[in-house]
């Protein structure tokens, strides 16, 4: 998903957006609006999220009231949803790569600001549940502290002023179009991390478009590089899933020559919302057969144009027969690359085989090899947990 546009100036200061960039607030928004709209006899359509991403709370509420023809004033609607959102701040999780980025930049002495269209009280409440965040930012500024919210550049210019930084020396990282427009209008460099799937083509005004914060390379902007990549892989906090194989040796197997185990995504909606699309790797356990190296994609599979996010593990092993219906347990330990579009099936197959070679080699490294002995690969997931 990386932009082909050449990257611009070197920078010294970083300004981060909060909702959708650092925090996974989309799920909370969807849940609250789903509940509220039912009371008005309406059904929340997730596509409506595109209308409210990056807007101030008042603008977002106005859009919902207008789109759904709600029989209430905007102020009344806000008073109804505000306490519901406040109750959920403690449940919001950091997006993949957010903690890593904040810790890295802070440890390297890079001045950091947080600039969000949300009111300052909401920002402080949300980040109070994220360990180490508040003290990592030299400046925290809310939409109610400036005259105009994004897409006005005012909030970013004020953040630069408070950091004693020239706007041209600032890098903005944003997930929404209003935020990107604000950053460019402020004369800053802008990296877009779109929070709405399959919309990267709309973000061409940004200086770079990346799939997730895991794919940010600060050295492109003159900032200290991450030092945690190992042999082309990024170690991640291990997580595990399991379930019956709904398609063993599916279409992927026939085309790729690698056993593809299709799992039912409906059982993993929470996991799919927490983890960015891309290519991962780890260990796979088929209790009646053994434990195998595995590379796995999460995403929409652009080549096949899937409409729903899917999980597709590929077992790096040759099997005599199909394993349809068997229980498959996975421990995911590392990340390789973002999801990408490929011009042809041949180029897709070539890249998947390359991913397999990277995973095969990496899983022999001590940092990953020990997870092969995780109890949950062999026993019931209900009885054991992988840590």
Protein backbone atom coordinates (compact mmCIF):
# COMPACT_ATOMS: atom_id res chain seq x y z
CA UNK A 1 0.00 0.00 0.00
CA UNK A 2 3.05 2.28 0.05
CA UNK A 3 2.78 5.41 -2.04
CA UNK A 4 5.09 5.72 -5.05
CA UNK A 5 5.39 9.46 -4.43
CA UNK A 6 8.97 10.40 -3.44
CA UNK A 7 9.36 11.29 0.21
CA UNK A 8 10.00 14.88 1.18
CA UNK A 9 11.90 16.95 3.73
CA UNK A 10 13.76 15.61 6.71
CA UNK A 11 11.96 16.39 9.97
CA UNK A 12 12.75 16.77 13.67
CA UNK A 13 9.31 16.77 15.35
CA UNK A 14 6.34 14.38 15.10
CA UNK A 15 2.64 15.19 15.58
CA UNK A 16 0.28 12.24 16.02
CA UNK A 17 -3.49 12.03 15.71
CA UNK A 18 -5.24 9.85 18.32
CA UNK A 19 -8.49 8.15 17.26
CA UNK A 20 -7.98 5.71 14.40
CA UNK A 21 -4.24 6.43 14.30
CA UNK A 22 -3.07 5.33 17.75
CA UNK A 23 -6.29 4.00 19.27
CA UNK A 24 -8.72 1.48 17.79
CA UNK A 25 -11.82 3.59 18.46
CA UNK A 26 -13.77 2.40 15.41
CA UNK A 27 -15.17 -0.66 17.18
CA UNK A 28 -16.40 1.43 20.13
CA UNK A 29 -18.01 3.96 17.78
CA UNK A 30 -19.79 1.20 15.88
CA UNK A 31 -21.07 -0.45 19.07
CA UNK A 32 -22.39 2.76 20.62
CA UNK A 33 -24.09 4.00 17.44
CA UNK A 34 -25.58 0.56 16.81
CA UNK A 35 -27.25 0.65 20.25
CA UNK A 36 -28.41 4.27 20.01
CA UNK A 37 -29.86 4.04 16.51
CA UNK A 38 -31.93 0.98 17.42
CA UNK A 39 -33.79 3.20 19.88
CA UNK A 40 -34.81 5.38 16.95
CA UNK A 41 -35.83 2.36 14.87
CA UNK A 42 -32.72 2.69 12.68
CA UNK A 43 -29.88 0.30 11.88
CA UNK A 44 -26.27 1.49 11.91
CA UNK A 45 -24.50 0.89 8.63
CA UNK A 46 -20.72 0.60 9.03
CA UNK A 47 -20.32 2.44 5.75
CA UNK A 48 -21.56 5.49 7.62
CA UNK A 49 -18.22 5.45 9.43
CA UNK A 50 -16.62 7.01 6.36
CA UNK A 51 -18.75 10.12 6.89
CA UNK A 52 -17.54 10.71 10.44
CA UNK A 53 -13.86 9.68 10.42
CA UNK A 54 -11.64 12.58 11.45
CA UNK A 55 -14.46 15.01 12.23
CA UNK A 56 -15.05 16.92 15.44
CA UNK A 57 -17.63 15.33 17.78
CA UNK A 58 -20.20 17.98 16.84
CA UNK A 59 -19.63 17.49 13.11
CA UNK A 60 -19.80 13.69 13.47
CA UNK A 61 -23.03 13.89 15.48
CA UNK A 62 -24.54 16.27 12.93
CA UNK A 63 -23.66 13.84 10.11
CA UNK A 64 -25.36 10.93 11.90
CA UNK A 65 -28.50 12.95 12.74
CA UNK A 66 -28.73 14.13 9.12
CA UNK A 67 -27.92 10.79 7.45
CA UNK A 68 -30.46 8.85 9.50
CA UNK A 69 -33.10 11.59 9.70
CA UNK A 70 -33.21 11.36 13.49
CA UNK A 71 -36.06 13.28 15.18
CA UNK A 72 -33.80 15.13 17.63
CA UNK A 73 -31.51 18.14 17.84
CA UNK A 74 -27.76 17.60 17.49
CA UNK A 75 -27.21 18.72 21.11
CA UNK A 76 -29.76 16.18 22.32
CA UNK A 77 -28.06 13.40 20.36
CA UNK A 78 -24.64 14.36 21.76
CA UNK A 79 -25.95 14.36 25.33
CA UNK A 80 -27.30 10.84 24.76
CA UNK A 81 -24.11 9.30 23.32
CA UNK A 82 -21.45 11.15 25.37
CA UNK A 83 -21.86 9.13 28.60
CA UNK A 84 -22.00 5.91 26.56
CA UNK A 85 -18.65 6.73 24.97
CA UNK A 86 -17.13 7.76 28.31
CA UNK A 87 -17.99 4.36 29.73
CA UNK A 88 -16.05 2.70 26.92
CA UNK A 89 -12.75 4.65 27.00
CA UNK A 90 -11.22 2.02 29.29
CA UNK A 91 -11.90 -0.69 26.68
CA UNK A 92 -10.14 0.97 23.74
CA UNK A 93 -6.99 -0.84 22.66
CA UNK A 94 -3.89 0.61 21.08
CA UNK A 95 -3.59 -0.09 17.37
CA UNK A 96 -0.76 -2.38 16.17
CA UNK A 97 2.54 -0.52 16.29
CA UNK A 98 1.27 2.43 18.37
CA UNK A 99 3.08 1.56 21.61
CA UNK A 100 6.19 0.59 19.67
CA UNK A 101 6.26 3.94 17.82
CA UNK A 102 5.66 6.09 20.92
CA UNK A 103 8.31 4.25 22.99
CA UNK A 104 10.82 4.39 20.14
CA UNK A 105 10.48 8.11 19.43
CA UNK A 106 10.51 9.00 23.12
CA UNK A 107 13.61 6.88 23.78
CA UNK A 108 15.40 8.61 20.88
CA UNK A 109 14.51 12.09 22.17
CA UNK A 110 12.22 13.01 19.28
CA UNK A 111 9.72 15.70 20.42
CA UNK A 112 6.17 14.32 20.19
CA UNK A 113 2.81 16.09 20.13
CA UNK A 114 -0.71 14.67 20.21
CA UNK A 115 -3.29 16.69 18.26
CA UNK A 116 -6.89 15.46 18.04
CA UNK A 117 -10.25 16.94 17.10
CA UNK A 118 -11.62 15.42 20.33
CA UNK A 119 -12.05 17.70 23.38
CA UNK A 120 -8.96 17.78 25.60
CA UNK A 121 -10.86 16.15 28.48
CA UNK A 122 -11.73 13.16 26.25
CA UNK A 123 -8.14 12.86 25.04
CA UNK A 124 -6.78 12.83 28.59
CA UNK A 125 -9.37 10.26 29.66
CA UNK A 126 -8.57 7.94 26.75
CA UNK A 127 -4.79 8.04 27.10
CA UNK A 128 -4.96 7.61 30.89
CA UNK A 129 -5.66 3.92 30.17
CA UNK A 130 -2.54 3.60 27.97
CA UNK A 131 0.59 3.08 30.05
CA UNK A 132 3.30 5.67 29.48
CA UNK A 133 1.47 7.70 26.86
CA UNK A 134 0.74 10.90 28.74
CA UNK A 135 4.35 11.50 29.77
CA UNK A 136 5.61 10.70 26.24
CA UNK A 137 4.03 13.79 24.67
CA UNK A 138 5.53 17.22 25.23
CA UNK A 139 2.31 18.75 23.85
CA UNK A 140 -1.28 17.46 23.97
CA UNK A 141 -3.90 19.60 22.25
CA UNK A 142 -7.63 19.08 21.74
CA UNK A 143 -10.10 20.38 19.19
CA UNK A 144 -11.77 22.58 21.80
CA UNK A 145 -8.51 24.50 22.33
CA UNK A 146 -8.53 26.02 18.84
CA UNK A 147 -11.06 28.02 16.89
CA UNK A 148 -11.38 25.51 14.04
CA UNK A 149 -10.80 21.76 14.02
CA UNK A 150 -9.29 19.73 11.19
CA UNK A 151 -9.28 20.13 8.16
CA UNK A 152 -8.21 23.61 9.30
CA UNK A 153 -4.42 23.62 9.88
CA UNK A 154 -4.90 25.56 13.13
CA UNK A 155 -4.48 22.62 15.54
CA UNK A 156 -1.24 21.47 13.92
CA UNK A 157 0.19 24.99 13.75
CA UNK A 158 -0.62 25.45 17.44
CA UNK A 159 1.07 22.12 18.26
CA UNK A 160 4.20 23.25 16.38
CA UNK A 161 4.13 26.60 18.18
CA UNK A 162 3.93 24.92 21.59
CA UNK A 163 6.88 22.66 20.65
CA UNK A 164 8.87 25.69 19.40
CA UNK A 165 9.14 23.93 16.04
CA UNK A 166 8.99 25.29 12.52
CA UNK A 167 5.96 23.67 10.77
CA UNK A 168 8.25 22.60 7.91
CA UNK A 169 10.20 20.46 10.39
CA UNK A 170 7.12 18.53 11.53
CA UNK A 171 5.83 15.13 10.42
CA UNK A 172 2.10 14.51 10.89
CA UNK A 173 0.78 10.93 11.12
CA UNK A 174 -2.96 10.73 10.42
CA UNK A 175 -5.70 8.24 9.50
CA UNK A 176 -8.36 10.58 8.08
CA UNK A 177 -8.77 12.93 5.12
CA UNK A 178 -9.57 15.98 7.33
CA UNK A 179 -6.34 15.32 9.23
CA UNK A 180 -4.28 14.91 6.07
CA UNK A 181 -5.73 18.11 4.61
CA UNK A 182 -4.94 19.94 7.85
CA UNK A 183 -1.35 18.70 7.90
CA UNK A 184 -0.66 19.69 4.30
CA UNK A 185 -2.33 23.09 4.81
CA UNK A 186 0.01 23.62 7.78
CA UNK A 187 3.02 23.09 5.49
CA UNK A 188 3.99 19.83 7.15
CA UNK A 189 4.99 16.40 5.84
CA UNK A 190 2.12 13.90 6.21
CA UNK A 191 2.06 10.10 6.48
CA UNK A 192 -1.41 8.59 6.02
CA UNK A 193 -2.43 5.38 7.77
CA UNK A 194 -6.00 4.95 6.44
CA UNK A 195 -8.38 3.61 9.08
CA UNK A 196 -11.03 2.72 6.50
CA UNK A 197 -10.10 -0.43 4.54
CA UNK A 198 -9.45 -0.42 0.81
CA UNK A 199 -9.50 3.39 0.63
CA UNK A 200 -5.78 4.10 0.16
CA UNK A 201 -6.41 5.54 -3.32
CA UNK A 202 -8.21 8.50 -1.77
CA UNK A 203 -5.15 9.59 0.20
CA UNK A 204 -2.92 10.74 -2.67
CA UNK A 205 -2.42 14.19 -1.13
CA UNK A 206 -0.36 12.60 1.67
CA UNK A 207 3.41 12.35 1.23
CA UNK A 208 3.33 8.64 2.03
CA UNK A 209 0.53 6.10 2.52
CA UNK A 210 1.22 3.07 4.70
CA UNK A 211 -0.89 0.08 5.70
CA UNK A 212 -0.29 0.36 9.46
CA UNK A 213 2.14 1.83 11.98
CA UNK A 214 4.10 -1.44 11.74
CA UNK A 215 5.09 -0.31 8.24
CA UNK A 216 6.43 3.11 9.21
CA UNK A 217 10.15 3.60 8.54
CA UNK A 218 11.16 6.77 10.43
CA UNK A 219 14.56 6.89 8.75
CA UNK A 220 12.82 7.94 5.52
CA UNK A 221 12.14 11.23 7.28
CA UNK A 222 15.53 11.67 8.93
CA UNK A 223 14.34 10.21 12.23
CA UNK A 224 16.04 7.33 14.13
CA UNK A 225 15.28 3.94 12.57
CA UNK A 226 13.62 1.10 14.46
CA UNK A 227 16.14 -1.48 15.60
CA UNK A 228 13.79 -4.42 16.18
CA UNK A 229 13.57 -5.99 12.69
CA UNK A 230 15.22 -9.44 12.56
CA UNK A 231 16.10 -11.08 9.20
CA UNK A 232 13.30 -9.23 7.39
CA UNK A 233 10.75 -9.96 10.15
CA UNK A 234 9.28 -8.00 13.02
CA UNK A 235 8.78 -9.87 16.33
CA UNK A 236 5.30 -9.17 17.75
CA UNK A 237 3.53 -10.00 20.98
CA UNK A 238 2.50 -13.64 20.28
CA UNK A 239 -1.19 -14.41 19.95
CA UNK A 240 -3.05 -17.61 19.17
CA UNK A 241 -6.21 -18.76 17.46
CA UNK A 242 -7.72 -22.10 16.56
CA UNK A 243 -10.69 -23.70 14.91
CA UNK A 244 -11.79 -26.36 12.46
CA UNK A 245 -10.47 -26.11 8.92
CA UNK A 246 -13.40 -25.24 6.66
CA UNK A 247 -11.32 -25.76 3.52
CA UNK A 248 -8.09 -27.73 3.48
CA UNK A 249 -6.25 -27.76 0.14
CA UNK A 250 -8.59 -24.99 -1.05
CA UNK A 251 -8.15 -22.79 -4.10
CA UNK A 252 -4.94 -21.40 -2.64
CA UNK A 253 -3.36 -24.84 -2.43
CA UNK A 254 -4.03 -25.66 -6.06
CA UNK A 255 -2.63 -22.36 -7.29
CA UNK A 256 0.24 -21.93 -4.83
CA UNK A 257 1.36 -25.49 -4.30
CA UNK A 258 1.20 -24.83 -0.54
CA UNK A 259 -1.46 -26.40 1.74
CA UNK A 260 -3.91 -23.59 2.50
CA UNK A 261 -6.10 -23.92 5.57
CA UNK A 262 -9.15 -21.68 5.37
CA UNK A 263 -10.61 -20.83 8.78
CA UNK A 264 -14.05 -19.34 9.34
CA UNK A 265 -13.49 -15.61 9.92
CA UNK A 266 -16.81 -15.20 11.74
CA UNK A 267 -15.28 -16.76 14.87
CA UNK A 268 -12.38 -14.32 14.88
CA UNK A 269 -14.03 -10.93 14.41
CA UNK A 270 -12.31 -9.49 17.50
CA UNK A 271 -8.90 -10.71 16.36
CA UNK A 272 -9.47 -9.40 12.84
CA UNK A 273 -10.38 -5.96 14.17
CA UNK A 274 -7.34 -5.87 16.47
CA UNK A 275 -4.70 -6.92 13.95
CA UNK A 276 -3.76 -5.04 10.84
CA UNK A 277 -4.00 -6.72 7.46
CA UNK A 278 -0.72 -8.15 6.24
CA UNK A 279 1.47 -11.24 6.17
CA UNK A 280 2.42 -12.91 9.47
CA UNK A 281 4.10 -16.19 10.43
CA UNK A 282 4.39 -18.65 13.28
CA UNK A 283 3.61 -22.24 14.18
CA UNK A 284 0.63 -24.41 13.26
CA UNK A 285 -0.51 -27.47 15.16
CA UNK A 286 -2.68 -30.29 13.78
CA UNK A 287 -3.01 -32.42 16.94
CA UNK A 288 -3.25 -35.73 15.04
CA UNK A 289 -0.32 -34.94 12.71
CA UNK A 290 2.22 -32.60 14.29
CA UNK A 291 3.48 -29.02 14.42
CA UNK A 292 4.58 -27.15 11.31
CA UNK A 293 6.02 -23.84 10.23
CA UNK A 294 3.35 -21.50 8.92
CA UNK A 295 2.95 -18.21 7.06
CA UNK A 296 -0.42 -16.46 7.17
CA UNK A 297 -2.28 -13.57 5.57
CA UNK A 298 -4.90 -11.40 7.22
CA UNK A 299 -6.87 -9.09 4.98
CA UNK A 300 -9.08 -8.65 1.99
CA UNK A 301 -6.85 -10.49 -0.47
CA UNK A 302 -6.84 -7.74 -3.15
CA UNK A 303 -6.17 -10.16 -5.99
CA UNK A 304 -9.33 -12.18 -5.32
CA UNK A 305 -11.23 -8.99 -4.31
CA UNK A 306 -12.71 -10.45 -1.14
CA UNK A 307 -15.42 -8.30 0.47
CA UNK A 308 -14.70 -9.55 4.00
CA UNK A 309 -11.44 -9.69 5.91
CA UNK A 310 -10.10 -13.26 5.95
CA UNK A 311 -7.48 -15.40 7.69
CA UNK A 312 -5.51 -17.74 5.45
CA UNK A 313 -2.69 -19.81 6.99
CA UNK A 314 -0.35 -21.69 4.64
CA UNK A 315 1.40 -24.68 6.16
CA UNK A 316 4.99 -24.95 4.96
CA UNK A 317 4.90 -28.73 4.63
CA UNK A 318 3.82 -31.35 2.11
CA UNK A 319 0.80 -33.47 3.07
CA UNK A 320 -0.34 -36.76 1.60
CA UNK A 321 -4.03 -36.02 2.05
CA UNK A 322 -6.46 -33.22 2.82
CA UNK A 323 -7.06 -32.06 6.42
CA UNK A 324 -10.55 -30.67 5.92
CA UNK A 325 -12.51 -30.45 9.20
CA UNK A 326 -9.50 -30.99 11.47
CA UNK A 327 -8.75 -28.71 14.38
CA UNK A 328 -5.94 -26.30 13.54
CA UNK A 329 -4.16 -24.24 16.21
CA UNK A 330 -1.95 -21.29 15.34
CA UNK A 331 0.58 -19.28 17.32
CA UNK A 332 1.48 -16.08 15.46
CA UNK A 333 4.88 -14.69 16.47
CA UNK A 334 6.04 -12.25 13.78
CA UNK A 335 5.13 -9.88 10.94
CA UNK A 336 6.63 -9.78 7.45
CA UNK A 337 4.88 -7.16 5.31
CA UNK A 338 1.67 -5.26 4.58
CA UNK A 339 -1.03 -6.55 2.29
CA UNK A 340 -0.32 -5.48 -1.29
CA UNK A 341 -1.84 -5.43 -4.75
CA UNK A 342 -0.14 -7.56 -7.37
CA UNK A 343 -0.41 -6.99 -11.14
CA UNK A 344 -0.68 -10.70 -11.94
CA UNK A 345 -1.33 -14.06 -10.34
CA UNK A 346 2.27 -15.05 -11.13
CA UNK A 347 3.67 -12.08 -9.16
CA UNK A 348 1.34 -12.89 -6.24
CA UNK A 349 2.48 -16.53 -6.18
CA UNK A 350 6.13 -15.49 -6.41
CA UNK A 351 5.76 -13.14 -3.43
CA UNK A 352 3.91 -15.72 -1.32
CA UNK A 353 6.70 -18.23 -1.91
CA UNK A 354 9.20 -15.55 -0.92
CA UNK A 355 7.17 -14.92 2.28
CA UNK A 356 7.36 -18.66 2.92
CA UNK A 357 11.16 -18.67 2.56
CA UNK A 358 11.47 -15.71 4.97
CA UNK A 359 9.23 -17.46 7.51
CA UNK A 360 11.03 -20.82 7.17
CA UNK A 361 14.39 -19.20 7.90
CA UNK A 362 13.14 -16.91 10.68
CA UNK A 363 11.40 -19.70 12.62
CA UNK A 364 14.78 -21.36 13.17
CA UNK A 365 15.97 -18.30 15.11
CA UNK A 366 15.90 -18.64 18.93
CA UNK A 367 13.56 -15.64 19.25
CA UNK A 368 10.83 -17.60 17.42
CA UNK A 369 11.80 -21.27 17.67
CA UNK A 370 10.76 -21.73 21.29
CA UNK A 371 7.09 -21.11 20.53
CA UNK A 372 6.98 -24.47 18.72
CA UNK A 373 6.58 -26.02 22.18
CA UNK A 374 3.58 -23.89 23.17
CA UNK A 375 1.05 -26.20 24.91
CA UNK A 376 -1.92 -24.79 23.01
CA UNK A 377 -0.55 -26.14 19.72
CA UNK A 378 -1.04 -29.67 21.00
CA UNK A 379 -3.89 -29.49 23.51
CA UNK A 380 -7.33 -27.95 23.79
CA UNK A 381 -7.29 -24.17 23.48
CA UNK A 382 -9.78 -24.08 26.35
CA UNK A 383 -7.28 -25.86 28.65
CA UNK A 384 -4.11 -24.05 27.74
CA UNK A 385 -3.09 -20.54 26.78
CA UNK A 386 -0.09 -19.35 24.84
CA UNK A 387 1.80 -16.41 26.23
